Amino acid sequence: QLAEIPGAEILNEVVLNQVLVRFPGGDEANRAAVAAIQRDGTCWLGGTEWHGRAALRVSFSNWATSDADVDLSAAAIAAAVS
């Protein structure tokens, strides 16, 4: 779902449960998106740097995470970067 957000760039090969994604607008815009998503509280994700560029690090590691949780999280991320 993250790859469907306009301008999203998935930075890593998703092998297990972690996705690194970057959105348009540069480093500050990506850092601001992390802060906005954390403030929103729908989900928690962290910021990181990948090859010297700011990005969002999204991990799914709880057995209780449902498809609905994933949908809500993707929507919150999309809203933060719109």
PDB file of N, CA and C in Angstrom:
ATOM      1  N   GLN A   1       0.816  -1.199   0.000  1.00  0.00           N
ATOM      2  CA  GLN A   1       0.000   0.000   0.000  1.00  0.00           C
ATOM      3  C   GLN A   1       0.858   1.261   0.000  1.00  0.00           C
ATOM      4  N   LEU A   2       2.012   1.215   0.667  1.00  0.00           N
ATOM      5  CA  LEU A   2       2.875   2.401   0.697  1.00  0.00           C
ATOM      6  C   LEU A   2       3.369   2.752  -0.696  1.00  0.00           C
ATOM      7  N   ALA A   3       3.674   1.746  -1.498  1.00  0.00           N
ATOM      8  CA  ALA A   3       4.166   1.996  -2.851  1.00  0.00           C
ATOM      9  C   ALA A   3       3.119   2.688  -3.716  1.00  0.00           C
ATOM     10  N   GLU A   4       1.858   2.599  -3.345  1.00  0.00           N
ATOM     11  CA  GLU A   4       0.776   3.223  -4.110  1.00  0.00           C
ATOM     12  C   GLU A   4       0.587   4.701  -3.780  1.00  0.00           C
ATOM     13  N   ILE A   5       1.226   5.184  -2.720  1.00  0.00           N
ATOM     14  CA  ILE A   5       1.121   6.597  -2.361  1.00  0.00           C
ATOM     15  C   ILE A   5       1.919   7.395  -3.392  1.00  0.00           C
ATOM     16  N   PRO A   6       1.342   8.421  -3.998  1.00  0.00           N
ATOM     17  CA  PRO A   6       2.046   9.172  -5.043  1.00  0.00           C
ATOM     18  C   PRO A   6       3.422   9.659  -4.581  1.00  0.00           C
ATOM     19  N   GLY A   7       4.422   9.339  -5.375  1.00  0.00           N
ATOM     20  CA  GLY A   7       5.787   9.766  -5.114  1.00  0.00           C
ATOM     21  C   GLY A   7       6.564   8.879  -4.165  1.00  0.00           C
ATOM     22  N   ALA A   8       5.928   7.860  -3.594  1.00  0.00           N
ATOM     23  CA  ALA A   8       6.616   6.972  -2.652  1.00  0.00           C
ATOM     24  C   ALA A   8       7.727   6.207  -3.345  1.00  0.00           C
ATOM     25  N   GLU A   9       8.825   6.063  -2.634  1.00  0.00           N
ATOM     26  CA  GLU A   9       9.962   5.293  -3.127  1.00  0.00           C
ATOM     27  C   GLU A   9      10.326   4.268  -2.053  1.00  0.00           C
ATOM     28  N   ILE A  10      10.098   2.984  -2.334  1.00  0.00           N
ATOM     29  CA  ILE A  10      10.499   1.929  -1.407  1.00  0.00           C
ATOM     30  C   ILE A  10      11.999   1.736  -1.605  1.00  0.00           C
ATOM     31  N   LEU A  11      12.765   1.897  -0.536  1.00  0.00           N
ATOM     32  CA  LEU A  11      14.220   1.946  -0.639  1.00  0.00           C
ATOM     33  C   LEU A  11      14.900   0.595  -0.467  1.00  0.00           C
ATOM     34  N   ASN A  12      14.238  -0.341   0.156  1.00  0.00           N
ATOM     35  CA  ASN A  12      14.883  -1.630   0.408  1.00  0.00           C
ATOM     36  C   ASN A  12      14.111  -2.761  -0.230  1.00  0.00           C
ATOM     37  N   GLU A  13      14.778  -3.899  -0.356  1.00  0.00           N
ATOM     38  CA  GLU A  13      14.097  -5.113  -0.761  1.00  0.00           C
ATOM     39  C   GLU A  13      13.392  -5.628   0.494  1.00  0.00           C
ATOM     40  N   VAL A  14      12.082  -5.706   0.449  1.00  0.00           N
ATOM     41  CA  VAL A  14      11.327  -6.112   1.630  1.00  0.00           C
ATOM     42  C   VAL A  14      11.373  -7.631   1.717  1.00  0.00           C
ATOM     43  N   VAL A  15      12.154  -8.114   2.698  1.00  0.00           N
ATOM     44  CA  VAL A  15      12.354  -9.546   2.857  1.00  0.00           C
ATOM     45  C   VAL A  15      11.558 -10.081   4.042  1.00  0.00           C
ATOM     46  N   LEU A  16      11.584  -9.373   5.133  1.00  0.00           N
ATOM     47  CA  LEU A  16      10.866  -9.825   6.325  1.00  0.00           C
ATOM     48  C   LEU A  16       9.774  -8.832   6.693  1.00  0.00           C
ATOM     49  N   ASN A  17      10.013  -8.043   7.722  1.00  0.00           N
ATOM     50  CA  ASN A  17       8.933  -7.206   8.252  1.00  0.00           C
ATOM     51  C   ASN A  17       9.249  -5.720   8.248  1.00  0.00           C
ATOM     52  N   GLN A  18      10.299  -5.301   7.570  1.00  0.00           N
ATOM     53  CA  GLN A  18      10.691  -3.899   7.639  1.00  0.00           C
ATOM     54  C   GLN A  18      10.706  -3.263   6.251  1.00  0.00           C
ATOM     55  N   VAL A  19      10.115  -2.066   6.187  1.00  0.00           N
ATOM     56  CA  VAL A  19      10.052  -1.311   4.939  1.00  0.00           C
ATOM     57  C   VAL A  19      10.685   0.054   5.179  1.00  0.00           C
ATOM     58  N   LEU A  20      11.584   0.452   4.291  1.00  0.00           N
ATOM     59  CA  LEU A  20      12.127   1.811   4.289  1.00  0.00           C
ATOM     60  C   LEU A  20      11.497   2.524   3.110  1.00  0.00           C
ATOM     61  N   VAL A  21      10.888   3.659   3.389  1.00  0.00           N
ATOM     62  CA  VAL A  21      10.182   4.397   2.339  1.00  0.00           C
ATOM     63  C   VAL A  21      10.526   5.875   2.452  1.00  0.00           C
ATOM     64  N   ARG A  22      10.599   6.506   1.300  1.00  0.00           N
ATOM     65  CA  ARG A  22      10.886   7.934   1.240  1.00  0.00           C
ATOM     66  C   ARG A  22       9.836   8.580   0.349  1.00  0.00           C
ATOM     67  N   PHE A  23       9.490   9.803   0.716  1.00  0.00           N
ATOM     68  CA  PHE A  23       8.481  10.542  -0.033  1.00  0.00           C
ATOM     69  C   PHE A  23       9.086  11.817  -0.599  1.00  0.00           C
ATOM     70  N   PRO A  24       8.436  12.427  -1.585  1.00  0.00           N
ATOM     71  CA  PRO A  24       8.954  13.670  -2.167  1.00  0.00           C
ATOM     72  C   PRO A  24       9.036  14.790  -1.130  1.00  0.00           C
ATOM     73  N   GLY A  25       9.880  15.756  -1.403  1.00  0.00           N
ATOM     74  CA  GLY A  25       9.962  16.936  -0.561  1.00  0.00           C
ATOM     75  C   GLY A  25      11.262  17.062   0.200  1.00  0.00           C
ATOM     76  N   GLY A  26      12.141  16.088   0.067  1.00  0.00           N
ATOM     77  CA  GLY A  26      13.441  16.191   0.702  1.00  0.00           C
ATOM     78  C   GLY A  26      13.466  15.684   2.131  1.00  0.00           C
ATOM     79  N   ASP A  27      14.633  15.824   2.732  1.00  0.00           N
ATOM     80  CA  ASP A  27      14.867  15.293   4.072  1.00  0.00           C
ATOM     81  C   ASP A  27      13.931  15.891   5.111  1.00  0.00           C
ATOM     82  N   GLU A  28      13.766  17.195   5.103  1.00  0.00           N
ATOM     83  CA  GLU A  28      12.918  17.826   6.120  1.00  0.00           C
ATOM     84  C   GLU A  28      11.470  17.370   6.000  1.00  0.00           C
ATOM     85  N   ALA A  29      10.985  17.202   4.780  1.00  0.00           N
ATOM     86  CA  ALA A  29       9.606  16.739   4.588  1.00  0.00           C
ATOM     87  C   ALA A  29       9.438  15.318   5.121  1.00  0.00           C
ATOM     88  N   ASN A  30      10.436  14.480   4.926  1.00  0.00           N
ATOM     89  CA  ASN A  30      10.351  13.114   5.416  1.00  0.00           C
ATOM     90  C   ASN A  30      10.447  13.074   6.935  1.00  0.00           C
ATOM     91  N   ARG A  31      11.302  13.889   7.520  1.00  0.00           N
ATOM     92  CA  ARG A  31      11.374  13.970   8.987  1.00  0.00           C
ATOM     93  C   ARG A  31      10.064  14.511   9.560  1.00  0.00           C
ATOM     94  N   ALA A  32       9.479  15.480   8.899  1.00  0.00           N
ATOM     95  CA  ALA A  32       8.198  16.038   9.343  1.00  0.00           C
ATOM     96  C   ALA A  32       7.093  14.986   9.258  1.00  0.00           C
ATOM     97  N   ALA A  33       7.134  14.145   8.242  1.00  0.00           N
ATOM     98  CA  ALA A  33       6.137  13.076   8.112  1.00  0.00           C
ATOM     99  C   ALA A  33       6.254  12.103   9.279  1.00  0.00           C
ATOM    100  N   VAL A  34       7.470  11.732   9.658  1.00  0.00           N
ATOM    101  CA  VAL A  34       7.665  10.847  10.803  1.00  0.00           C
ATOM    102  C   VAL A  34       7.045  11.467  12.050  1.00  0.00           C
ATOM    103  N   ALA A  35       7.342  12.721  12.297  1.00  0.00           N
ATOM    104  CA  ALA A  35       6.815  13.408  13.481  1.00  0.00           C
ATOM    105  C   ALA A  35       5.285  13.466  13.447  1.00  0.00           C
ATOM    106  N   ALA A  36       4.714  13.755  12.286  1.00  0.00           N
ATOM    107  CA  ALA A  36       3.255  13.852  12.169  1.00  0.00           C
ATOM    108  C   ALA A  36       2.596  12.500  12.428  1.00  0.00           C
ATOM    109  N   ILE A  37       3.174  11.440  11.916  1.00  0.00           N
ATOM    110  CA  ILE A  37       2.608  10.099  12.106  1.00  0.00           C
ATOM    111  C   ILE A  37       2.707   9.698  13.574  1.00  0.00           C
ATOM    112  N   GLN A  38       3.822   9.997  14.205  1.00  0.00           N
ATOM    113  CA  GLN A  38       3.958   9.686  15.623  1.00  0.00           C
ATOM    114  C   GLN A  38       2.955  10.472  16.457  1.00  0.00           C
ATOM    115  N   ARG A  39       2.735  11.746  16.116  1.00  0.00           N
ATOM    116  CA  ARG A  39       1.742  12.562  16.839  1.00  0.00           C
ATOM    117  C   ARG A  39       0.331  12.015  16.646  1.00  0.00           C
ATOM    118  N   ASP A  40       0.038  11.556  15.427  1.00  0.00           N
ATOM    119  CA  ASP A  40      -1.292  11.047  15.107  1.00  0.00           C
ATOM    120  C   ASP A  40      -1.653   9.851  15.987  1.00  0.00           C
ATOM    121  N   GLY A  41      -0.709   8.969  16.208  1.00  0.00           N
ATOM    122  CA  GLY A  41      -0.914   7.837  17.097  1.00  0.00           C
ATOM    123  C   GLY A  41      -1.585   6.620  16.511  1.00  0.00           C
ATOM    124  N   THR A  42      -1.972   6.654  15.245  1.00  0.00           N
ATOM    125  CA  THR A  42      -2.577   5.485  14.624  1.00  0.00           C
ATOM    126  C   THR A  42      -1.599   4.319  14.621  1.00  0.00           C
ATOM    127  N   CYS A  43      -0.361   4.625  14.319  1.00  0.00           N
ATOM    128  CA  CYS A  43       0.701   3.630  14.333  1.00  0.00           C
ATOM    129  C   CYS A  43       1.979   4.337  14.773  1.00  0.00           C
ATOM    130  N   TRP A  44       3.003   3.570  15.032  1.00  0.00           N
ATOM    131  CA  TRP A  44       4.286   4.168  15.382  1.00  0.00           C
ATOM    132  C   TRP A  44       5.301   3.666  14.384  1.00  0.00           C
ATOM    133  N   LEU A  45       6.075   4.602  13.869  1.00  0.00           N
ATOM    134  CA  LEU A  45       7.199   4.264  13.007  1.00  0.00           C
ATOM    135  C   LEU A  45       8.326   5.202  13.340  1.00  0.00           C
ATOM    136  N   GLY A  46       9.502   4.877  12.885  1.00  0.00           N
ATOM    137  CA  GLY A  46      10.659   5.703  13.193  1.00  0.00           C
ATOM    138  C   GLY A  46      11.261   6.298  11.944  1.00  0.00           C
ATOM    139  N   GLY A  47      12.098   7.263  12.165  1.00  0.00           N
ATOM    140  CA  GLY A  47      12.863   7.840  11.069  1.00  0.00           C
ATOM    141  C   GLY A  47      14.221   7.163  10.988  1.00  0.00           C
ATOM    142  N   THR A  48      14.827   7.246   9.844  1.00  0.00           N
ATOM    143  CA  THR A  48      16.150   6.677   9.636  1.00  0.00           C
ATOM    144  C   THR A  48      16.833   7.442   8.510  1.00  0.00           C
ATOM    145  N   GLU A  49      18.057   7.094   8.247  1.00  0.00           N
ATOM    146  CA  GLU A  49      18.750   7.600   7.059  1.00  0.00           C
ATOM    147  C   GLU A  49      19.185   6.407   6.228  1.00  0.00           C
ATOM    148  N   TRP A  50      18.990   6.523   4.942  1.00  0.00           N
ATOM    149  CA  TRP A  50      19.355   5.463   4.000  1.00  0.00           C
ATOM    150  C   TRP A  50      20.193   6.117   2.916  1.00  0.00           C
ATOM    151  N   HIS A  51      21.437   5.726   2.834  1.00  0.00           N
ATOM    152  CA  HIS A  51      22.368   6.314   1.868  1.00  0.00           C
ATOM    153  C   HIS A  51      22.380   7.839   1.974  1.00  0.00           C
ATOM    154  N   GLY A  52      22.370   8.321   3.221  1.00  0.00           N
ATOM    155  CA  GLY A  52      22.477   9.748   3.469  1.00  0.00           C
ATOM    156  C   GLY A  52      21.199  10.546   3.292  1.00  0.00           C
ATOM    157  N   ARG A  53      20.077   9.882   3.076  1.00  0.00           N
ATOM    158  CA  ARG A  53      18.797  10.574   2.890  1.00  0.00           C
ATOM    159  C   ARG A  53      17.812  10.145   3.969  1.00  0.00           C
ATOM    160  N   ALA A  54      17.043  11.098   4.476  1.00  0.00           N
ATOM    161  CA  ALA A  54      16.034  10.798   5.495  1.00  0.00           C
ATOM    162  C   ALA A  54      14.940   9.919   4.898  1.00  0.00           C
ATOM    163  N   ALA A  55      14.456   8.980   5.715  1.00  0.00           N
ATOM    164  CA  ALA A  55      13.410   8.061   5.277  1.00  0.00           C
ATOM    165  C   ALA A  55      12.575   7.641   6.475  1.00  0.00           C
ATOM    166  N   LEU A  56      11.487   6.943   6.207  1.00  0.00           N
ATOM    167  CA  LEU A  56      10.632   6.382   7.235  1.00  0.00           C
ATOM    168  C   LEU A  56      10.926   4.894   7.338  1.00  0.00           C
ATOM    169  N   ARG A  57      11.012   4.390   8.563  1.00  0.00           N
ATOM    170  CA  ARG A  57      11.243   2.959   8.790  1.00  0.00           C
ATOM    171  C   ARG A  57       9.986   2.378   9.419  1.00  0.00           C
ATOM    172  N   VAL A  58       9.335   1.491   8.692  1.00  0.00           N
ATOM    173  CA  VAL A  58       8.082   0.883   9.129  1.00  0.00           C
ATOM    174  C   VAL A  58       8.341  -0.596   9.389  1.00  0.00           C
ATOM    175  N   SER A  59       8.000  -1.065  10.587  1.00  0.00           N
ATOM    176  CA  SER A  59       8.188  -2.475  10.935  1.00  0.00           C
ATOM    177  C   SER A  59       6.863  -3.063  11.398  1.00  0.00           C
ATOM    178  N   PHE A  60       6.619  -4.286  10.991  1.00  0.00           N
ATOM    179  CA  PHE A  60       5.445  -5.032  11.438  1.00  0.00           C
ATOM    180  C   PHE A  60       5.964  -6.244  12.188  1.00  0.00           C
ATOM    181  N   SER A  61       5.720  -6.281  13.502  1.00  0.00           N
ATOM    182  CA  SER A  61       6.317  -7.374  14.273  1.00  0.00           C
ATOM    183  C   SER A  61       5.397  -7.973  15.328  1.00  0.00           C
ATOM    184  N   ASN A  62       4.134  -7.627  15.313  1.00  0.00           N
ATOM    185  CA  ASN A  62       3.224  -8.143  16.323  1.00  0.00           C
ATOM    186  C   ASN A  62       2.249  -9.113  15.682  1.00  0.00           C
ATOM    187  N   TRP A  63       2.119 -10.266  16.253  1.00  0.00           N
ATOM    188  CA  TRP A  63       1.221 -11.285  15.694  1.00  0.00           C
ATOM    189  C   TRP A  63      -0.232 -10.812  15.657  1.00  0.00           C
ATOM    190  N   ALA A  64      -0.569  -9.842  16.506  1.00  0.00           N
ATOM    191  CA  ALA A  64      -1.947  -9.366  16.583  1.00  0.00           C
ATOM    192  C   ALA A  64      -2.269  -8.278  15.554  1.00  0.00           C
ATOM    193  N   THR A  65      -1.288  -7.862  14.749  1.00  0.00           N
ATOM    194  CA  THR A  65      -1.547  -6.840  13.733  1.00  0.00           C
ATOM    195  C   THR A  65      -2.471  -7.421  12.670  1.00  0.00           C
ATOM    196  N   SER A  66      -3.587  -6.761  12.459  1.00  0.00           N
ATOM    197  CA  SER A  66      -4.583  -7.252  11.498  1.00  0.00           C
ATOM    198  C   SER A  66      -4.470  -6.516  10.163  1.00  0.00           C
ATOM    199  N   ASP A  67      -5.157  -7.029   9.171  1.00  0.00           N
ATOM    200  CA  ASP A  67      -5.217  -6.346   7.883  1.00  0.00           C
ATOM    201  C   ASP A  67      -5.821  -4.954   8.055  1.00  0.00           C
ATOM    202  N   ALA A  68      -6.805  -4.829   8.937  1.00  0.00           N
ATOM    203  CA  ALA A  68      -7.422  -3.519   9.190  1.00  0.00           C
ATOM    204  C   ALA A  68      -6.407  -2.562   9.803  1.00  0.00           C
ATOM    205  N   ASP A  69      -5.547  -3.060  10.697  1.00  0.00           N
ATOM    206  CA  ASP A  69      -4.494  -2.220  11.271  1.00  0.00           C
ATOM    207  C   ASP A  69      -3.547  -1.723  10.187  1.00  0.00           C
ATOM    208  N   VAL A  70      -3.202  -2.596   9.264  1.00  0.00           N
ATOM    209  CA  VAL A  70      -2.315  -2.219   8.162  1.00  0.00           C
ATOM    210  C   VAL A  70      -2.986  -1.153   7.303  1.00  0.00           C
ATOM    211  N   ASP A  71      -4.261  -1.334   7.003  1.00  0.00           N
ATOM    212  CA  ASP A  71      -4.996  -0.346   6.201  1.00  0.00           C
ATOM    213  C   ASP A  71      -5.039   1.015   6.895  1.00  0.00           C
ATOM    214  N   LEU A  72      -5.339   1.024   8.183  1.00  0.00           N
ATOM    215  CA  LEU A  72      -5.385   2.280   8.940  1.00  0.00           C
ATOM    216  C   LEU A  72      -4.013   2.951   8.976  1.00  0.00           C
ATOM    217  N   SER A  73      -2.976   2.164   9.154  1.00  0.00           N
ATOM    218  CA  SER A  73      -1.620   2.709   9.199  1.00  0.00           C
ATOM    219  C   SER A  73      -1.220   3.300   7.857  1.00  0.00           C
ATOM    220  N   ALA A  74      -1.511   2.589   6.780  1.00  0.00           N
ATOM    221  CA  ALA A  74      -1.188   3.097   5.447  1.00  0.00           C
ATOM    222  C   ALA A  74      -1.933   4.407   5.179  1.00  0.00           C
ATOM    223  N   ALA A  75      -3.186   4.486   5.606  1.00  0.00           N
ATOM    224  CA  ALA A  75      -3.967   5.715   5.427  1.00  0.00           C
ATOM    225  C   ALA A  75      -3.373   6.863   6.237  1.00  0.00           C
ATOM    226  N   ALA A  76      -2.923   6.585   7.463  1.00  0.00           N
ATOM    227  CA  ALA A  76      -2.326   7.631   8.291  1.00  0.00           C
ATOM    228  C   ALA A  76      -1.019   8.121   7.680  1.00  0.00           C
ATOM    229  N   ILE A  77      -0.246   7.210   7.130  1.00  0.00           N
ATOM    230  CA  ILE A  77       1.012   7.605   6.474  1.00  0.00           C
ATOM    231  C   ILE A  77       0.718   8.441   5.242  1.00  0.00           C
ATOM    232  N   ALA A  78      -0.247   8.007   4.436  1.00  0.00           N
ATOM    233  CA  ALA A  78      -0.619   8.762   3.240  1.00  0.00           C
ATOM    234  C   ALA A  78      -1.086  10.164   3.597  1.00  0.00           C
ATOM    235  N   ALA A  79      -1.884  10.285   4.670  1.00  0.00           N
ATOM    236  CA  ALA A  79      -2.364  11.601   5.079  1.00  0.00           C
ATOM    237  C   ALA A  79      -1.219  12.510   5.533  1.00  0.00           C
ATOM    238  N   ALA A  80      -0.228  11.928   6.174  1.00  0.00           N
ATOM    239  CA  ALA A  80       0.895  12.717   6.681  1.00  0.00           C
ATOM    240  C   ALA A  80       1.800  13.230   5.569  1.00  0.00           C
ATOM    241  N   VAL A  81       1.813  12.558   4.449  1.00  0.00           N
ATOM    242  CA  VAL A  81       2.715  12.980   3.366  1.00  0.00           C
ATOM    243  C   VAL A  81       1.985  13.700   2.249  1.00  0.00           C
ATOM    244  N   SER A  82       0.686  13.870   2.398  1.00  0.00           N
ATOM    245  CA  SER A  82      -0.106  14.552   1.361  1.00  0.00           C
ATOM    246  C   SER A  82       0.021  16.052   1.488  1.00  0.00           C
TER     247      SER A  82
END
